[in-house]
Amino acid sequence: MNDRNNRKNEVGRVVSNKMDKTIVVAIEDNVKHPLYNKIVKRTVKLKAHDENNECNIGDRVRVMETRPLSKEKRWRLVEIIERAK
């Protein structure tokens, strides 16, 4: 069984690129509240590896789960879907 095929992929927006070769990606998800049945916006921030420092704040990017690259970095940049305007 090839383990590369069942890795998680997420699409999010870059909120920080101040670190070297690292970006912070915010992933927004609409979740239904279990008790009040109201749709709540939930944001998760991930640190992702950006080898060539090519992302800017506001870009829409696709990231993929990978082995731990540092203390908090477990994702890597796959592609830039849309550049910030």
N, C-alpha and C. Protein backbone atom coordinates (compact mmCIF):
# COMPACT_ATOMS: atom_id res chain seq x y z
N MET A 1 0.84 -1.19 0.00
CA MET A 1 0.00 0.00 0.00
C MET A 1 0.88 1.24 0.00
N ASN A 2 0.62 2.15 -0.93
CA ASN A 2 1.40 3.38 -1.01
C ASN A 2 0.83 4.42 -0.07
N ASP A 3 1.65 4.88 0.87
CA ASP A 3 1.17 5.80 1.91
C ASP A 3 1.01 7.22 1.40
N ARG A 4 1.69 7.56 0.27
CA ARG A 4 1.62 8.91 -0.25
C ARG A 4 0.23 9.26 -0.78
N ASN A 5 -0.53 8.27 -1.18
CA ASN A 5 -1.82 8.53 -1.81
C ASN A 5 -2.90 8.96 -0.82
N ASN A 6 -2.78 8.57 0.44
CA ASN A 6 -3.84 8.91 1.38
C ASN A 6 -3.40 9.95 2.40
N ARG A 7 -2.60 10.92 1.96
CA ARG A 7 -2.24 12.03 2.82
C ARG A 7 -3.30 13.12 2.71
N LYS A 8 -3.46 13.86 3.80
CA LYS A 8 -4.46 14.92 3.80
C LYS A 8 -4.01 16.11 2.94
N ASN A 9 -4.95 16.67 2.21
CA ASN A 9 -4.73 17.89 1.45
C ASN A 9 -5.71 18.94 1.97
N GLU A 10 -5.24 20.17 2.11
CA GLU A 10 -6.10 21.26 2.55
C GLU A 10 -5.84 22.48 1.68
N VAL A 11 -6.89 23.29 1.51
CA VAL A 11 -6.76 24.56 0.80
C VAL A 11 -7.02 25.68 1.80
N GLY A 12 -6.12 26.65 1.85
CA GLY A 12 -6.27 27.75 2.80
C GLY A 12 -5.61 29.02 2.28
N ARG A 13 -5.60 30.03 3.15
CA ARG A 13 -5.06 31.33 2.79
C ARG A 13 -3.82 31.61 3.64
N VAL A 14 -2.79 32.16 3.01
CA VAL A 14 -1.55 32.48 3.72
C VAL A 14 -1.78 33.72 4.58
N VAL A 15 -1.51 33.60 5.88
CA VAL A 15 -1.67 34.74 6.78
C VAL A 15 -0.34 35.29 7.27
N SER A 16 0.76 34.53 7.07
CA SER A 16 2.08 35.02 7.47
C SER A 16 3.15 34.34 6.64
N ASN A 17 4.15 35.13 6.20
CA ASN A 17 5.31 34.55 5.52
C ASN A 17 6.60 35.14 6.05
N LYS A 18 6.59 35.57 7.30
CA LYS A 18 7.74 36.25 7.89
C LYS A 18 8.90 35.31 8.20
N MET A 19 8.62 34.01 8.38
CA MET A 19 9.68 33.06 8.70
C MET A 19 10.39 32.61 7.43
N ASP A 20 11.59 32.09 7.59
CA ASP A 20 12.35 31.60 6.44
C ASP A 20 11.86 30.21 6.06
N LYS A 21 11.41 30.06 4.81
CA LYS A 21 10.93 28.80 4.25
C LYS A 21 9.70 28.25 4.98
N THR A 22 8.98 29.10 5.68
CA THR A 22 7.78 28.66 6.40
C THR A 22 6.67 29.67 6.18
N ILE A 23 5.45 29.15 5.96
CA ILE A 23 4.27 30.00 5.87
C ILE A 23 3.25 29.52 6.89
N VAL A 24 2.38 30.43 7.31
CA VAL A 24 1.26 30.07 8.17
C VAL A 24 0.01 30.14 7.31
N VAL A 25 -0.73 29.02 7.26
CA VAL A 25 -1.91 28.91 6.42
C VAL A 25 -3.13 28.79 7.32
N ALA A 26 -4.12 29.67 7.10
CA ALA A 26 -5.38 29.62 7.84
C ALA A 26 -6.39 28.86 7.00
N ILE A 27 -6.97 27.80 7.59
CA ILE A 27 -7.97 27.00 6.92
C ILE A 27 -9.31 27.24 7.59
N GLU A 28 -10.26 27.79 6.82
CA GLU A 28 -11.58 28.09 7.36
C GLU A 28 -12.53 26.95 7.05
N ASP A 29 -13.36 26.61 8.03
CA ASP A 29 -14.31 25.52 7.87
C ASP A 29 -15.63 25.93 8.52
N ASN A 30 -16.74 25.69 7.84
CA ASN A 30 -18.05 25.97 8.40
C ASN A 30 -18.57 24.72 9.08
N VAL A 31 -18.79 24.79 10.40
CA VAL A 31 -19.18 23.65 11.21
C VAL A 31 -20.52 23.95 11.85
N LYS A 32 -21.40 22.97 11.88
CA LYS A 32 -22.69 23.13 12.54
C LYS A 32 -22.53 22.89 14.03
N HIS A 33 -22.97 23.84 14.84
CA HIS A 33 -22.86 23.71 16.29
C HIS A 33 -23.74 22.55 16.75
N PRO A 34 -23.22 21.65 17.59
CA PRO A 34 -23.98 20.44 17.96
C PRO A 34 -25.28 20.72 18.73
N LEU A 35 -25.29 21.79 19.54
CA LEU A 35 -26.48 22.06 20.35
C LEU A 35 -27.39 23.09 19.69
N TYR A 36 -26.80 24.17 19.19
CA TYR A 36 -27.62 25.29 18.71
C TYR A 36 -27.89 25.25 17.22
N ASN A 37 -27.32 24.26 16.51
CA ASN A 37 -27.55 24.05 15.08
C ASN A 37 -27.25 25.28 14.24
N LYS A 38 -26.39 26.14 14.73
CA LYS A 38 -25.99 27.34 13.98
C LYS A 38 -24.66 27.04 13.29
N ILE A 39 -24.49 27.54 12.07
CA ILE A 39 -23.24 27.36 11.35
C ILE A 39 -22.19 28.31 11.94
N VAL A 40 -21.08 27.74 12.41
CA VAL A 40 -20.01 28.50 13.04
C VAL A 40 -18.77 28.38 12.16
N LYS A 41 -18.09 29.51 11.94
CA LYS A 41 -16.86 29.50 11.16
C LYS A 41 -15.70 29.14 12.08
N ARG A 42 -14.98 28.07 11.74
CA ARG A 42 -13.86 27.61 12.55
C ARG A 42 -12.58 27.78 11.74
N THR A 43 -11.55 28.37 12.33
CA THR A 43 -10.29 28.60 11.64
C THR A 43 -9.19 27.81 12.34
N VAL A 44 -8.42 27.08 11.56
CA VAL A 44 -7.26 26.33 12.05
C VAL A 44 -6.04 26.89 11.34
N LYS A 45 -4.97 27.18 12.10
CA LYS A 45 -3.74 27.68 11.50
C LYS A 45 -2.71 26.57 11.48
N LEU A 46 -2.10 26.38 10.30
CA LEU A 46 -1.06 25.37 10.13
C LEU A 46 0.23 26.05 9.70
N LYS A 47 1.35 25.49 10.11
CA LYS A 47 2.63 25.93 9.58
C LYS A 47 3.03 24.97 8.46
N ALA A 48 3.41 25.54 7.31
CA ALA A 48 3.74 24.73 6.15
C ALA A 48 5.11 25.12 5.61
N HIS A 49 5.77 24.13 4.99
CA HIS A 49 7.11 24.34 4.44
C HIS A 49 7.00 24.92 3.03
N ASP A 50 7.66 26.06 2.82
CA ASP A 50 7.68 26.76 1.52
C ASP A 50 9.14 26.89 1.10
N GLU A 51 9.62 25.91 0.33
CA GLU A 51 11.05 25.78 0.06
C GLU A 51 11.66 27.01 -0.58
N ASN A 52 10.95 27.65 -1.53
CA ASN A 52 11.53 28.76 -2.28
C ASN A 52 11.05 30.13 -1.82
N ASN A 53 10.39 30.20 -0.68
CA ASN A 53 9.85 31.47 -0.16
C ASN A 53 9.03 32.19 -1.23
N GLU A 54 8.14 31.46 -1.93
CA GLU A 54 7.43 32.04 -3.06
C GLU A 54 6.04 32.54 -2.71
N CYS A 55 5.54 32.28 -1.50
CA CYS A 55 4.19 32.69 -1.13
C CYS A 55 4.18 34.08 -0.52
N ASN A 56 3.09 34.80 -0.77
CA ASN A 56 2.86 36.09 -0.15
C ASN A 56 1.58 36.03 0.66
N ILE A 57 1.40 37.01 1.55
CA ILE A 57 0.19 37.06 2.38
C ILE A 57 -1.02 37.25 1.48
N GLY A 58 -2.05 36.45 1.70
CA GLY A 58 -3.28 36.56 0.92
C GLY A 58 -3.40 35.52 -0.19
N ASP A 59 -2.32 34.80 -0.49
CA ASP A 59 -2.38 33.77 -1.54
C ASP A 59 -3.26 32.61 -1.08
N ARG A 60 -4.01 32.02 -2.03
CA ARG A 60 -4.72 30.76 -1.76
C ARG A 60 -3.78 29.63 -2.15
N VAL A 61 -3.54 28.69 -1.22
CA VAL A 61 -2.57 27.63 -1.45
C VAL A 61 -3.15 26.27 -1.08
N ARG A 62 -2.56 25.23 -1.69
CA ARG A 62 -2.88 23.86 -1.30
C ARG A 62 -1.68 23.30 -0.56
N VAL A 63 -1.93 22.72 0.63
CA VAL A 63 -0.86 22.12 1.42
C VAL A 63 -1.15 20.63 1.62
N MET A 64 -0.09 19.87 1.81
CA MET A 64 -0.21 18.43 2.00
C MET A 64 0.50 18.02 3.28
N GLU A 65 -0.09 17.06 3.96
CA GLU A 65 0.51 16.53 5.19
C GLU A 65 1.82 15.83 4.85
N THR A 66 2.80 15.97 5.75
CA THR A 66 4.09 15.32 5.52
C THR A 66 4.70 14.96 6.87
N ARG A 67 5.90 14.40 6.83
CA ARG A 67 6.57 14.04 8.08
C ARG A 67 6.91 15.32 8.85
N PRO A 68 7.14 15.23 10.16
CA PRO A 68 7.50 16.43 10.92
C PRO A 68 8.80 17.03 10.40
N LEU A 69 8.74 18.33 10.04
CA LEU A 69 9.92 19.02 9.53
C LEU A 69 10.56 19.88 10.60
N SER A 70 9.80 20.24 11.63
CA SER A 70 10.32 20.98 12.78
C SER A 70 9.35 20.74 13.93
N LYS A 71 9.48 21.54 14.98
CA LYS A 71 8.65 21.34 16.16
C LYS A 71 7.15 21.43 15.84
N GLU A 72 6.76 22.41 15.02
CA GLU A 72 5.33 22.60 14.73
C GLU A 72 4.98 22.39 13.27
N LYS A 73 5.96 22.18 12.41
CA LYS A 73 5.71 22.13 10.97
C LYS A 73 5.49 20.69 10.52
N ARG A 74 4.24 20.39 10.06
CA ARG A 74 3.91 19.05 9.59
C ARG A 74 3.24 19.07 8.22
N TRP A 75 3.28 20.20 7.54
CA TRP A 75 2.65 20.35 6.24
C TRP A 75 3.65 20.94 5.26
N ARG A 76 3.41 20.74 3.95
CA ARG A 76 4.26 21.35 2.93
C ARG A 76 3.40 21.90 1.81
N LEU A 77 3.93 22.92 1.18
CA LEU A 77 3.23 23.59 0.09
C LEU A 77 3.21 22.70 -1.15
N VAL A 78 2.03 22.52 -1.74
CA VAL A 78 1.90 21.75 -2.98
C VAL A 78 1.84 22.70 -4.17
N GLU A 79 0.92 23.68 -4.10
CA GLU A 79 0.79 24.63 -5.21
C GLU A 79 0.15 25.92 -4.72
N ILE A 80 0.38 26.97 -5.48
CA ILE A 80 -0.30 28.25 -5.23
C ILE A 80 -1.47 28.29 -6.20
N ILE A 81 -2.69 28.27 -5.66
CA ILE A 81 -3.88 28.24 -6.49
C ILE A 81 -4.17 29.62 -7.07
N GLU A 82 -4.06 30.65 -6.21
CA GLU A 82 -4.43 31.99 -6.63
C GLU A 82 -3.54 32.99 -5.89
N ARG A 83 -2.94 33.90 -6.66
CA ARG A 83 -2.11 34.93 -6.05
C ARG A 83 -2.97 36.02 -5.42
N ALA A 84 -2.44 36.68 -4.39
CA ALA A 84 -3.16 37.79 -3.77
C ALA A 84 -3.21 38.95 -4.75
N LYS A 85 -4.30 39.70 -4.71
CA LYS A 85 -4.48 40.82 -5.62
C LYS A 85 -3.74 42.04 -5.11
